[in-house]
């Protein structure tokens, strides 16, 4: 397993790469663009993997996704990956202004159309015919050439995980993933897709990247645990994750935290997150606590790249940066477990 982290900015990022971090990822929201962040990563690192984890799949055309990757490839050949996420129903409808229905079908076709652009050789027409995307591009300039950049899908529930195994090169796991969810839901679903009638023809197993909620502070471990609790609570306000809640038997605390969220009581949200939930989901507390958690939870970590992600809900940029630096002390324990 590689140790990674969301891009912490160029100063911390350079220090992190020197310390052994071998992958950086970029998220996306209303105030930060995934591909601009990846450009900053590749400009300020030398060897680490870099890519969106994730970029909103439907915020751009397949052409735009592929063109951004071609542009970045010129500076970071062999270092890129693409993580695509379907985004929530309301984000697609209300923020992006794109059709929100049938996300699995849409992202399946998006992967195919992005690959059509990435795999095109010079002199070939770029072709893809589908319900949502139709391409027939005759690019006369010699600017193409096949790029085998892995495409991963953010997949939480079974149907998207199966789709990731069937049409993509792997999966990006959510920060809420536990041992139970990886091993009983996500991995079996990805394997079913990969072993079915997909596009892989017995190729290598799907790659696993994944976020890990990580808050380490030896001077104030209680605050670090509280920040992890708030992050978990904020994620679980989304009803999309109800099958996950039911599988773990966490219906009662989740009902409490959602009621607190509706009331605007963020402290009560955090209090509703049980110790069991923290133990199963987050890596937090002191450095020693975090190392013990990593050793105990080896099965709940992604097999290939794990991004130690500081909590972001009601956490200042300065404290997030401090959590990122503190996470560097975990690199040895991850390598030992691997």
Protein backbone atom coordinates (compact mmCIF):
# COMPACT_ATOMS: atom_id res chain seq x y z
CA UNK A 1 0.00 0.00 0.00
CA UNK A 2 1.22 3.48 -0.88
CA UNK A 3 0.81 6.30 1.56
CA UNK A 4 -0.91 9.33 0.01
CA UNK A 5 -2.66 12.49 1.02
CA UNK A 6 -4.90 15.16 -0.45
CA UNK A 7 -2.69 17.90 -1.84
CA UNK A 8 -1.71 20.08 1.14
CA UNK A 9 -0.14 22.87 -0.91
CA UNK A 10 3.32 23.17 -2.36
CA UNK A 11 5.27 23.82 0.85
CA UNK A 12 3.87 20.92 2.84
CA UNK A 13 3.63 18.82 -0.32
CA UNK A 14 7.34 19.05 -1.06
CA UNK A 15 8.17 18.12 2.51
CA UNK A 16 5.70 15.24 2.37
CA UNK A 17 7.23 13.80 -0.79
CA UNK A 18 10.70 13.97 0.77
CA UNK A 19 9.29 12.15 3.81
CA UNK A 20 7.98 9.29 1.68
CA UNK A 21 4.51 10.24 0.51
CA UNK A 22 4.14 8.63 -2.91
CA UNK A 23 0.70 9.82 -4.07
CA UNK A 24 -1.29 13.04 -3.93
CA UNK A 25 -4.88 13.51 -4.95
CA UNK A 26 -7.15 16.45 -5.70
CA UNK A 27 -10.75 16.84 -4.69
CA UNK A 28 -13.32 19.18 -6.16
CA UNK A 29 -15.85 21.65 -4.82
CA UNK A 30 -17.30 25.06 -5.57
CA UNK A 31 -14.05 26.81 -4.62
CA UNK A 32 -11.39 24.48 -6.03
CA UNK A 33 -10.91 22.77 -9.38
CA UNK A 34 -9.54 19.23 -9.50
CA UNK A 35 -7.36 19.65 -12.59
CA UNK A 36 -5.87 22.97 -11.50
CA UNK A 37 -4.89 21.27 -8.24
CA UNK A 38 -3.32 18.34 -10.10
CA UNK A 39 -1.33 20.87 -12.16
CA UNK A 40 0.00 22.30 -8.91
CA UNK A 41 0.87 18.78 -7.70
CA UNK A 42 2.87 17.81 -10.78
CA UNK A 43 4.65 21.17 -10.85
CA UNK A 44 5.83 20.79 -7.27
CA UNK A 45 6.62 17.06 -6.98
CA UNK A 46 9.02 14.76 -8.77
CA UNK A 47 7.90 11.16 -8.41
CA UNK A 48 4.52 10.92 -6.67
CA UNK A 49 1.36 9.73 -8.35
CA UNK A 50 -1.11 12.54 -8.99
CA UNK A 51 -4.72 12.74 -10.03
CA UNK A 52 -8.26 13.73 -9.14
CA UNK A 53 -9.91 11.60 -6.47
CA UNK A 54 -12.35 12.70 -7.52
CA UNK A 55 -13.35 15.05 -10.36
CA UNK A 56 -17.06 15.51 -11.00
CA UNK A 57 -17.65 13.27 -14.02
CA UNK A 58 -20.48 15.31 -15.52
CA UNK A 59 -19.10 18.81 -14.88
CA UNK A 60 -17.00 18.47 -18.04
CA UNK A 61 -17.28 16.75 -21.38
CA UNK A 62 -15.18 13.61 -21.97
CA UNK A 63 -13.08 15.79 -24.27
CA UNK A 64 -12.34 18.21 -21.44
CA UNK A 65 -11.34 15.43 -19.02
CA UNK A 66 -9.04 13.83 -21.58
CA UNK A 67 -7.51 17.09 -22.78
CA UNK A 68 -6.63 18.10 -19.23
CA UNK A 69 -4.91 14.74 -18.72
CA UNK A 70 -2.98 15.02 -21.99
CA UNK A 71 -1.80 18.47 -20.96
CA UNK A 72 -0.68 17.19 -17.54
CA UNK A 73 0.93 14.07 -19.03
CA UNK A 74 3.48 16.23 -20.82
CA UNK A 75 4.84 17.27 -17.42
CA UNK A 76 4.22 14.06 -15.48
CA UNK A 77 4.36 11.04 -17.80
CA UNK A 78 3.51 7.79 -16.04
CA UNK A 79 2.40 9.52 -12.84
CA UNK A 80 -1.26 10.27 -13.52
CA UNK A 81 -4.56 8.64 -12.68
CA UNK A 82 -8.13 9.83 -13.13
CA UNK A 83 -10.74 9.36 -10.44
CA UNK A 84 -14.27 10.20 -11.53
CA UNK A 85 -17.30 10.59 -9.30
CA UNK A 86 -20.93 10.84 -10.33
CA UNK A 87 -21.62 13.49 -7.61
CA UNK A 88 -24.85 13.80 -5.67
CA UNK A 89 -28.22 14.18 -7.37
CA UNK A 90 -28.63 17.77 -6.16
CA UNK A 91 -25.11 18.79 -7.23
CA UNK A 92 -25.75 17.59 -10.76
CA UNK A 93 -29.18 19.17 -10.96
CA UNK A 94 -28.69 22.41 -9.03
CA UNK A 95 -24.98 23.20 -9.30
CA UNK A 96 -23.85 21.75 -12.60
CA UNK A 97 -27.13 22.06 -14.48
CA UNK A 98 -26.83 18.60 -15.99
CA UNK A 99 -29.34 15.73 -15.97
CA UNK A 100 -29.14 14.03 -12.55
CA UNK A 101 -30.86 10.78 -13.45
CA UNK A 102 -29.24 7.42 -14.32
CA UNK A 103 -25.76 8.21 -12.95
CA UNK A 104 -24.48 4.66 -13.41
CA UNK A 105 -25.36 4.59 -17.10
CA UNK A 106 -23.97 8.07 -17.63
CA UNK A 107 -20.66 7.43 -15.91
CA UNK A 108 -20.25 4.12 -17.73
CA UNK A 109 -20.47 5.92 -21.03
CA UNK A 110 -18.30 8.79 -19.82
CA UNK A 111 -15.49 6.34 -19.06
CA UNK A 112 -15.75 4.93 -22.58
CA UNK A 113 -15.73 8.36 -24.20
CA UNK A 114 -12.78 9.59 -22.11
CA UNK A 115 -10.84 6.49 -23.06
CA UNK A 116 -11.67 7.04 -26.72
CA UNK A 117 -9.81 10.35 -26.50
CA UNK A 118 -6.97 8.98 -24.37
CA UNK A 119 -6.38 5.87 -26.49
CA UNK A 120 -6.54 7.53 -29.90
CA UNK A 121 -3.43 7.30 -32.03
CA UNK A 122 -2.33 10.06 -34.37
CA UNK A 123 -4.14 9.76 -37.68
CA UNK A 124 -7.09 7.85 -36.18
CA UNK A 125 -10.57 9.24 -35.84
CA UNK A 126 -11.77 9.50 -32.26
CA UNK A 127 -15.00 7.54 -32.24
CA UNK A 128 -17.55 6.71 -29.60
CA UNK A 129 -21.25 6.07 -30.12
CA UNK A 130 -23.65 5.98 -27.22
CA UNK A 131 -26.83 7.32 -25.73
CA UNK A 132 -25.17 10.24 -23.94
CA UNK A 133 -22.00 10.87 -25.97
CA UNK A 134 -21.38 10.61 -29.68
CA UNK A 135 -17.88 11.32 -30.99
CA UNK A 136 -16.47 11.30 -34.50
CA UNK A 137 -13.47 13.61 -34.33
CA UNK A 138 -10.95 13.85 -37.15
CA UNK A 139 -7.98 15.55 -35.44
CA UNK A 140 -5.47 16.27 -38.19
CA UNK A 141 -2.78 17.76 -35.92
CA UNK A 142 -0.29 15.20 -34.56
CA UNK A 143 -1.25 15.76 -30.92
CA UNK A 144 -2.67 12.38 -29.94
CA UNK A 145 -1.03 9.02 -29.22
CA UNK A 146 -2.28 6.39 -26.79
CA UNK A 147 -2.12 7.22 -23.07
CA UNK A 148 -2.87 4.38 -20.67
CA UNK A 149 -3.91 6.48 -17.70
CA UNK A 150 -5.89 4.46 -15.13
CA UNK A 151 -9.52 5.51 -14.74
CA UNK A 152 -11.07 4.88 -11.32
CA UNK A 153 -14.63 5.39 -10.15
CA UNK A 154 -15.78 6.66 -6.79
CA UNK A 155 -18.11 3.87 -5.69
CA UNK A 156 -19.97 3.65 -2.41
CA UNK A 157 -22.92 1.34 -2.96
CA UNK A 158 -23.06 -1.99 -4.76
CA UNK A 159 -24.20 -0.93 -8.22
CA UNK A 160 -21.50 1.69 -8.73
CA UNK A 161 -18.87 -0.64 -7.29
CA UNK A 162 -19.88 -3.35 -9.75
CA UNK A 163 -19.68 -0.78 -12.54
CA UNK A 164 -16.18 0.22 -11.43
CA UNK A 165 -15.07 -3.39 -11.70
CA UNK A 166 -16.72 -3.78 -15.08
CA UNK A 167 -15.72 -0.65 -17.00
CA UNK A 168 -12.94 1.10 -15.06
CA UNK A 169 -9.48 0.23 -13.79
CA UNK A 170 -10.45 0.40 -10.15
CA UNK A 171 -12.28 2.16 -7.39
CA UNK A 172 -11.88 5.17 -5.11
CA UNK A 173 -13.17 4.37 -1.63
CA UNK A 174 -14.95 6.89 0.59
CA UNK A 175 -13.59 8.05 3.94
CA UNK A 176 -16.45 6.24 5.69
CA UNK A 177 -15.37 2.80 4.47
CA UNK A 178 -14.86 0.21 7.20
CA UNK A 179 -13.52 -3.32 7.17
CA UNK A 180 -17.12 -4.54 6.88
CA UNK A 181 -17.97 -2.26 3.97
CA UNK A 182 -14.79 -2.99 2.02
CA UNK A 183 -14.90 -6.75 2.49
CA UNK A 184 -18.64 -7.50 2.48
CA UNK A 185 -19.92 -4.94 -0.02
CA UNK A 186 -17.37 -3.05 -2.13
CA UNK A 187 -14.75 -5.69 -2.94
CA UNK A 188 -17.26 -8.45 -3.80
CA UNK A 189 -19.16 -6.00 -6.02
CA UNK A 190 -16.01 -4.82 -7.80
CA UNK A 191 -14.95 -8.43 -8.30
CA UNK A 192 -18.35 -9.34 -9.77
CA UNK A 193 -18.04 -6.54 -12.28
CA UNK A 194 -14.46 -7.40 -13.14
CA UNK A 195 -15.14 -11.11 -13.58
CA UNK A 196 -18.28 -10.56 -15.64
CA UNK A 197 -18.60 -9.58 -19.26
CA UNK A 198 -16.69 -6.31 -18.91
CA UNK A 199 -13.83 -4.85 -20.89
CA UNK A 200 -10.93 -6.45 -19.03
CA UNK A 201 -10.49 -9.90 -20.58
CA UNK A 202 -8.86 -11.31 -17.46
CA UNK A 203 -6.57 -8.33 -16.93
CA UNK A 204 -5.03 -7.23 -13.62
CA UNK A 205 -7.23 -6.90 -10.55
CA UNK A 206 -8.93 -3.54 -10.08
CA UNK A 207 -6.90 -0.92 -8.29
CA UNK A 208 -8.04 0.38 -4.90
CA UNK A 209 -7.53 3.97 -3.82
CA UNK A 210 -9.34 5.32 -0.79
CA UNK A 211 -9.67 8.20 1.64
CA UNK A 212 -8.98 7.67 5.36
CA UNK A 213 -10.24 10.27 7.84
CA UNK A 214 -7.04 11.08 9.74
CA UNK A 215 -6.59 13.55 12.60
CA UNK A 216 -3.43 13.17 14.67
CA UNK A 217 -2.38 15.67 17.32
CA UNK A 218 -0.11 14.58 20.17
CA UNK A 219 -0.62 17.88 21.98
CA UNK A 220 -4.42 17.92 21.73
CA UNK A 221 -5.66 14.40 20.91
CA UNK A 222 -9.17 15.09 22.26
CA UNK A 223 -9.63 17.89 19.75
CA UNK A 224 -8.37 15.63 16.95
CA UNK A 225 -10.92 12.96 17.88
CA UNK A 226 -13.67 15.60 18.05
CA UNK A 227 -12.78 16.82 14.55
CA UNK A 228 -12.94 13.26 13.26
CA UNK A 229 -16.36 12.82 14.89
CA UNK A 230 -17.70 15.96 13.20
CA UNK A 231 -16.41 14.79 9.83
CA UNK A 232 -18.07 11.39 10.22
CA UNK A 233 -21.31 13.04 11.33
CA UNK A 234 -21.29 15.44 8.37
CA UNK A 235 -20.81 12.62 5.88
CA UNK A 236 -23.63 10.58 7.42
CA UNK A 237 -26.19 13.35 6.95
CA UNK A 238 -26.50 12.06 3.36
CA UNK A 239 -29.26 9.49 2.91
CA UNK A 240 -27.38 7.87 0.03
CA UNK A 241 -25.42 6.06 2.72
CA UNK A 242 -28.46 4.47 4.37
CA UNK A 243 -27.54 0.92 3.22
CA UNK A 244 -24.15 1.41 4.89
CA UNK A 245 -25.81 2.65 8.10
CA UNK A 246 -28.16 -0.33 8.14
CA UNK A 247 -25.35 -2.83 7.50
CA UNK A 248 -23.46 -1.54 10.56
CA UNK A 249 -26.51 -1.23 12.81
CA UNK A 250 -25.96 2.49 13.32
CA UNK A 251 -29.49 3.66 12.64
CA UNK A 252 -30.12 5.20 16.07
CA UNK A 253 -26.97 7.39 16.31
CA UNK A 254 -27.35 8.46 12.69
CA UNK A 255 -30.95 9.52 13.32
CA UNK A 256 -29.69 11.64 16.24
CA UNK A 257 -26.91 13.28 14.25
CA UNK A 258 -29.27 14.07 11.37
CA UNK A 259 -31.72 15.68 13.78
CA UNK A 260 -28.85 17.74 15.21
CA UNK A 261 -27.77 18.73 11.69
CA UNK A 262 -31.25 19.97 10.86
CA UNK A 263 -31.19 21.99 14.09
CA UNK A 264 -27.77 23.45 13.26
CA UNK A 265 -26.20 21.93 16.39
CA UNK A 266 -22.79 20.73 15.23
CA UNK A 267 -21.67 19.79 18.75
CA UNK A 268 -24.65 17.47 19.12
CA UNK A 269 -23.85 16.01 15.70
CA UNK A 270 -20.40 15.05 16.94
CA UNK A 271 -21.71 13.66 20.23
CA UNK A 272 -24.08 11.37 18.33
CA UNK A 273 -21.12 9.60 16.67
CA UNK A 274 -20.33 6.62 18.89
CA UNK A 275 -16.91 5.38 19.93
CA UNK A 276 -17.51 2.28 17.82
CA UNK A 277 -18.07 4.43 14.74
CA UNK A 278 -14.86 6.37 15.36
CA UNK A 279 -12.89 3.15 15.90
CA UNK A 280 -14.23 1.57 12.72
CA UNK A 281 -13.88 4.62 10.45
CA UNK A 282 -11.18 7.08 11.52
CA UNK A 283 -7.50 7.17 12.38
CA UNK A 284 -7.22 9.76 15.13
CA UNK A 285 -5.85 10.80 18.50
CA UNK A 286 -2.14 10.58 19.26
CA UNK A 287 0.46 9.20 16.89
CA UNK A 288 0.59 6.04 18.99
CA UNK A 289 -3.21 5.72 18.86
CA UNK A 290 -3.16 6.13 15.09
CA UNK A 291 -0.45 3.51 14.61
CA UNK A 292 -2.38 1.04 16.75
CA UNK A 293 -5.51 1.71 14.69
CA UNK A 294 -3.67 1.14 11.41
CA UNK A 295 -2.29 -2.16 12.66
CA UNK A 296 -5.73 -3.29 13.83
CA UNK A 297 -7.57 -2.16 10.72
CA UNK A 298 -5.35 -3.46 7.95
CA UNK A 299 -8.35 -4.99 6.19
CA UNK A 300 -10.21 -1.69 6.09
CA UNK A 301 -7.45 0.12 4.23
CA UNK A 302 -7.36 0.32 0.44
CA UNK A 303 -4.92 -2.16 -1.00
CA UNK A 304 -3.02 0.23 -3.27
CA UNK A 305 -3.20 3.89 -2.22
CA UNK A 306 -4.60 5.27 1.01
CA UNK A 307 -5.01 9.03 1.35
CA UNK A 308 -4.70 10.18 4.95
CA UNK A 309 -7.25 12.95 4.73
CA UNK A 310 -7.60 15.58 7.48
CA UNK A 311 -11.16 16.41 8.51
CA UNK A 312 -12.47 19.46 6.68
CA UNK A 313 -15.87 20.12 8.29
CA UNK A 314 -15.45 23.16 10.58
CA UNK A 315 -11.67 22.69 10.62
CA UNK A 316 -9.48 25.65 9.69
CA UNK A 317 -6.95 25.42 6.85
CA UNK A 318 -4.17 25.89 9.40
CA UNK A 319 -5.31 22.94 11.50
CA UNK A 320 -5.81 20.78 8.40
CA UNK A 321 -2.21 21.54 7.41
CA UNK A 322 -1.05 20.56 10.90
CA UNK A 323 -2.95 17.27 10.65
CA UNK A 324 -1.30 16.66 7.28
CA UNK A 325 2.17 17.15 8.73
CA UNK A 326 1.36 14.97 11.74
CA UNK A 327 0.25 12.17 9.42
CA UNK A 328 3.79 11.93 8.06
CA UNK A 329 4.67 10.18 11.30
CA UNK A 330 2.46 7.27 10.22
CA UNK A 331 4.36 6.40 7.06
CA UNK A 332 6.56 3.77 8.69
CA UNK A 333 3.62 1.95 10.24
CA UNK A 334 1.85 1.80 6.88
CA UNK A 335 4.96 0.41 5.22
CA UNK A 336 5.34 -2.17 7.98
CA UNK A 337 1.74 -3.33 7.53
CA UNK A 338 2.16 -3.49 3.75
